[in-house]
């Protein structure tokens, strides 16, 4: 019996680490396209990272370490990192960490589930840092894969208690969320806002 055969040819990725503002500007259009496809957080947008880099204090103590995964000419993955030198130690952390609620890798939908691990491995192998501190992760963050023991360069979780006041839901606008509050909840909000305006 004969039938159609579909060959699954694995995608091949090339990896890169961005270390300059000039290269960051060059890859911004591809990063924006990935951000749109992946439905990324505002903190993962290239303009957010570029604005932080242009205005960050003590830039002489910092270095960009943005990992990219290319599939031909298309960008399929970004992990926006930077180093900060403290007491002679280069700490790898999220780029714009102090101005972002959450950090995570940005990966194209339908990509290989191991893409984050492979991109991380490449960034790790390139070096340029002494210590890694990646915090502020959402429960469904893609970089949680790096905590798995099967991963070659697994990270050790640091359990730090923080309270998140993130409002999540199916609302398209804040006004829609506001209308779901009870009458008393809306009145309390308006009363508090009026008090703050005075």
Protein backbone atom coordinates (compact mmCIF):
# COMPACT_ATOMS: atom_id res chain seq x y z
CA UNK A 1 0.00 0.00 0.00
CA UNK A 2 1.39 3.36 -1.00
CA UNK A 3 0.59 6.71 0.49
CA UNK A 4 1.97 10.20 0.76
CA UNK A 5 5.08 10.52 2.83
CA UNK A 6 5.87 13.65 4.79
CA UNK A 7 9.49 14.11 5.68
CA UNK A 8 10.10 16.11 8.80
CA UNK A 9 13.29 18.01 8.18
CA UNK A 10 14.54 19.59 11.39
CA UNK A 11 15.06 23.30 11.28
CA UNK A 12 18.60 24.41 11.71
CA UNK A 13 19.26 27.44 13.82
CA UNK A 14 22.24 29.72 13.91
CA UNK A 15 22.91 31.56 17.13
CA UNK A 16 24.34 34.98 17.89
CA UNK A 17 25.01 37.16 20.93
CA UNK A 18 24.39 40.88 20.43
CA UNK A 19 26.87 43.03 22.33
CA UNK A 20 26.51 46.47 20.71
CA UNK A 21 23.83 49.13 20.34
CA UNK A 22 24.50 49.24 16.59
CA UNK A 23 23.71 45.54 16.18
CA UNK A 24 20.69 45.91 18.44
CA UNK A 25 19.33 48.58 16.07
CA UNK A 26 20.02 46.34 13.04
CA UNK A 27 18.08 43.37 14.37
CA UNK A 28 15.18 45.43 15.81
CA UNK A 29 12.82 44.90 12.81
CA UNK A 30 13.26 41.11 12.96
CA UNK A 31 12.81 41.21 16.75
CA UNK A 32 9.60 43.27 16.39
CA UNK A 33 8.23 40.70 13.92
CA UNK A 34 9.01 37.87 16.35
CA UNK A 35 7.45 39.83 19.22
CA UNK A 36 4.24 40.20 17.18
CA UNK A 37 4.16 36.50 16.21
CA UNK A 38 4.84 35.32 19.76
CA UNK A 39 2.53 37.78 21.51
CA UNK A 40 5.35 38.94 23.77
CA UNK A 41 5.19 41.08 26.88
CA UNK A 42 6.00 44.76 26.53
CA UNK A 43 9.20 44.05 28.49
CA UNK A 44 10.36 41.77 25.65
CA UNK A 45 9.93 44.40 22.93
CA UNK A 46 13.16 45.59 21.27
CA UNK A 47 12.19 49.25 21.74
CA UNK A 48 11.88 48.67 25.51
CA UNK A 49 15.37 47.18 25.64
CA UNK A 50 16.86 49.83 23.31
CA UNK A 51 15.36 52.70 25.35
CA UNK A 52 16.76 51.17 28.53
CA UNK A 53 20.20 50.77 26.96
CA UNK A 54 20.28 54.39 25.73
CA UNK A 55 19.33 55.78 29.13
CA UNK A 56 20.77 53.33 31.64
CA UNK A 57 23.09 54.84 34.24
CA UNK A 58 26.60 53.50 34.74
CA UNK A 59 26.73 52.12 31.20
CA UNK A 60 30.48 51.66 31.52
CA UNK A 61 29.74 48.90 34.06
CA UNK A 62 27.24 47.16 31.77
CA UNK A 63 27.38 45.04 28.61
CA UNK A 64 24.65 43.70 26.34
CA UNK A 65 24.45 39.89 26.04
CA UNK A 66 21.29 39.40 23.93
CA UNK A 67 21.02 35.86 22.59
CA UNK A 68 19.41 35.34 19.18
CA UNK A 69 18.27 32.17 17.41
CA UNK A 70 17.99 32.61 13.63
CA UNK A 71 16.19 30.26 11.26
CA UNK A 72 17.65 31.50 7.99
CA UNK A 73 16.69 35.19 7.79
CA UNK A 74 13.88 34.83 10.30
CA UNK A 75 14.44 35.43 14.00
CA UNK A 76 12.91 32.57 16.02
CA UNK A 77 14.21 33.28 19.52
CA UNK A 78 15.52 36.07 21.74
CA UNK A 79 16.78 36.02 25.30
CA UNK A 80 17.49 39.64 26.26
CA UNK A 81 20.30 39.64 28.80
CA UNK A 82 22.97 42.06 29.98
CA UNK A 83 25.80 42.03 32.47
CA UNK A 84 26.40 44.43 35.31
CA UNK A 85 29.75 44.62 37.08
CA UNK A 86 29.49 44.73 40.89
CA UNK A 87 32.66 44.58 42.97
CA UNK A 88 34.53 43.12 40.01
CA UNK A 89 31.98 40.35 39.41
CA UNK A 90 30.06 40.32 36.12
CA UNK A 91 26.45 39.37 36.86
CA UNK A 92 24.29 38.16 33.97
CA UNK A 93 20.71 39.36 34.36
CA UNK A 94 17.70 40.38 32.30
CA UNK A 95 18.29 43.45 30.16
CA UNK A 96 16.25 46.33 31.63
CA UNK A 97 15.62 44.21 34.75
CA UNK A 98 15.10 47.20 37.01
CA UNK A 99 12.44 48.60 34.68
CA UNK A 100 10.58 45.36 33.86
CA UNK A 101 7.99 43.41 35.80
CA UNK A 102 8.89 40.06 34.25
CA UNK A 103 11.66 38.53 32.16
CA UNK A 104 11.54 35.56 29.80
CA UNK A 105 12.86 34.25 26.52
CA UNK A 106 10.84 35.14 23.44
CA UNK A 107 10.32 32.14 21.14
CA UNK A 108 8.35 31.85 17.90
CA UNK A 109 5.15 29.81 18.10
CA UNK A 110 5.61 26.27 16.84
CA UNK A 111 9.35 26.28 17.53
CA UNK A 112 11.20 23.28 18.85
CA UNK A 113 10.51 23.05 22.61
CA UNK A 114 14.27 22.73 23.15
CA UNK A 115 14.92 26.07 21.43
CA UNK A 116 15.24 27.96 24.73
CA UNK A 117 17.73 25.40 26.06
CA UNK A 118 19.82 25.51 22.90
CA UNK A 119 19.86 29.30 22.84
CA UNK A 120 20.78 29.40 26.53
CA UNK A 121 23.56 26.88 25.94
CA UNK A 122 25.00 29.12 23.22
CA UNK A 123 24.86 32.23 25.44
CA UNK A 124 26.40 30.24 28.28
CA UNK A 125 29.23 28.95 26.07
CA UNK A 126 30.06 32.49 24.88
CA UNK A 127 30.79 33.50 28.47
CA UNK A 128 31.43 37.09 29.49
CA UNK A 129 29.89 36.71 32.96
CA UNK A 130 30.75 35.22 36.35
CA UNK A 131 27.36 34.82 38.01
CA UNK A 132 23.78 34.40 36.75
CA UNK A 133 20.78 36.05 38.40
CA UNK A 134 17.51 35.64 36.48
CA UNK A 135 14.52 36.56 38.61
CA UNK A 136 10.98 37.85 38.11
CA UNK A 137 9.62 34.90 36.16
CA UNK A 138 5.97 34.21 35.47
CA UNK A 139 4.80 30.67 36.31
CA UNK A 140 4.58 29.80 32.61
CA UNK A 141 7.91 31.39 31.62
CA UNK A 142 9.81 29.49 28.94
CA UNK A 143 13.09 29.75 30.83
CA UNK A 144 11.73 27.43 33.52
CA UNK A 145 13.05 24.70 31.20
CA UNK A 146 16.53 25.75 32.30
CA UNK A 147 15.75 24.58 35.84
CA UNK A 148 15.24 20.98 34.75
CA UNK A 149 17.99 18.61 35.91
CA UNK A 150 18.19 17.07 32.42
CA UNK A 151 19.48 20.39 31.10
CA UNK A 152 23.27 20.44 30.86
CA UNK A 153 23.75 23.87 32.41
CA UNK A 154 20.75 23.84 34.74
CA UNK A 155 20.12 26.85 36.90
CA UNK A 156 19.33 26.48 40.57
CA UNK A 157 16.05 28.08 41.63
CA UNK A 158 16.14 30.83 44.20
CA UNK A 159 12.89 30.92 46.16
CA UNK A 160 12.15 34.52 46.91
CA UNK A 161 8.68 35.61 47.91
CA UNK A 162 7.24 38.51 45.95
CA UNK A 163 3.66 39.59 45.52
CA UNK A 164 2.42 40.16 41.98
CA UNK A 165 -0.49 42.52 41.47
CA UNK A 166 -0.76 41.68 37.79
CA UNK A 167 -4.33 41.74 36.51
CA UNK A 168 -4.82 38.91 34.04
CA UNK A 169 -7.94 38.05 32.11
CA UNK A 170 -9.73 38.18 28.80
CA UNK A 171 -10.35 41.94 28.92
CA UNK A 172 -9.17 43.95 25.94
CA UNK A 173 -9.16 47.25 27.84
CA UNK A 174 -9.01 48.38 31.43
CA UNK A 175 -12.55 49.76 31.16
CA UNK A 176 -13.87 46.25 30.48
CA UNK A 177 -12.14 44.97 33.61
CA UNK A 178 -13.51 47.91 35.63
CA UNK A 179 -17.07 47.04 34.59
CA UNK A 180 -16.67 43.54 36.06
CA UNK A 181 -16.22 45.03 39.55
CA UNK A 182 -19.19 45.23 41.88
CA UNK A 183 -20.96 48.56 42.29
CA UNK A 184 -19.25 49.04 45.66
CA UNK A 185 -15.86 48.17 44.13
CA UNK A 186 -16.32 50.79 41.40
CA UNK A 187 -17.43 53.39 43.98
CA UNK A 188 -14.42 52.67 46.19
CA UNK A 189 -12.10 53.02 43.19
CA UNK A 190 -13.66 56.37 42.19
CA UNK A 191 -13.56 57.61 45.79
CA UNK A 192 -9.89 56.68 46.11
CA UNK A 193 -9.03 58.30 42.79
CA UNK A 194 -10.85 61.52 43.76
CA UNK A 195 -8.97 61.57 47.07
CA UNK A 196 -5.64 61.16 45.26
CA UNK A 197 -6.46 63.99 42.84
CA UNK A 198 -7.14 66.46 45.68
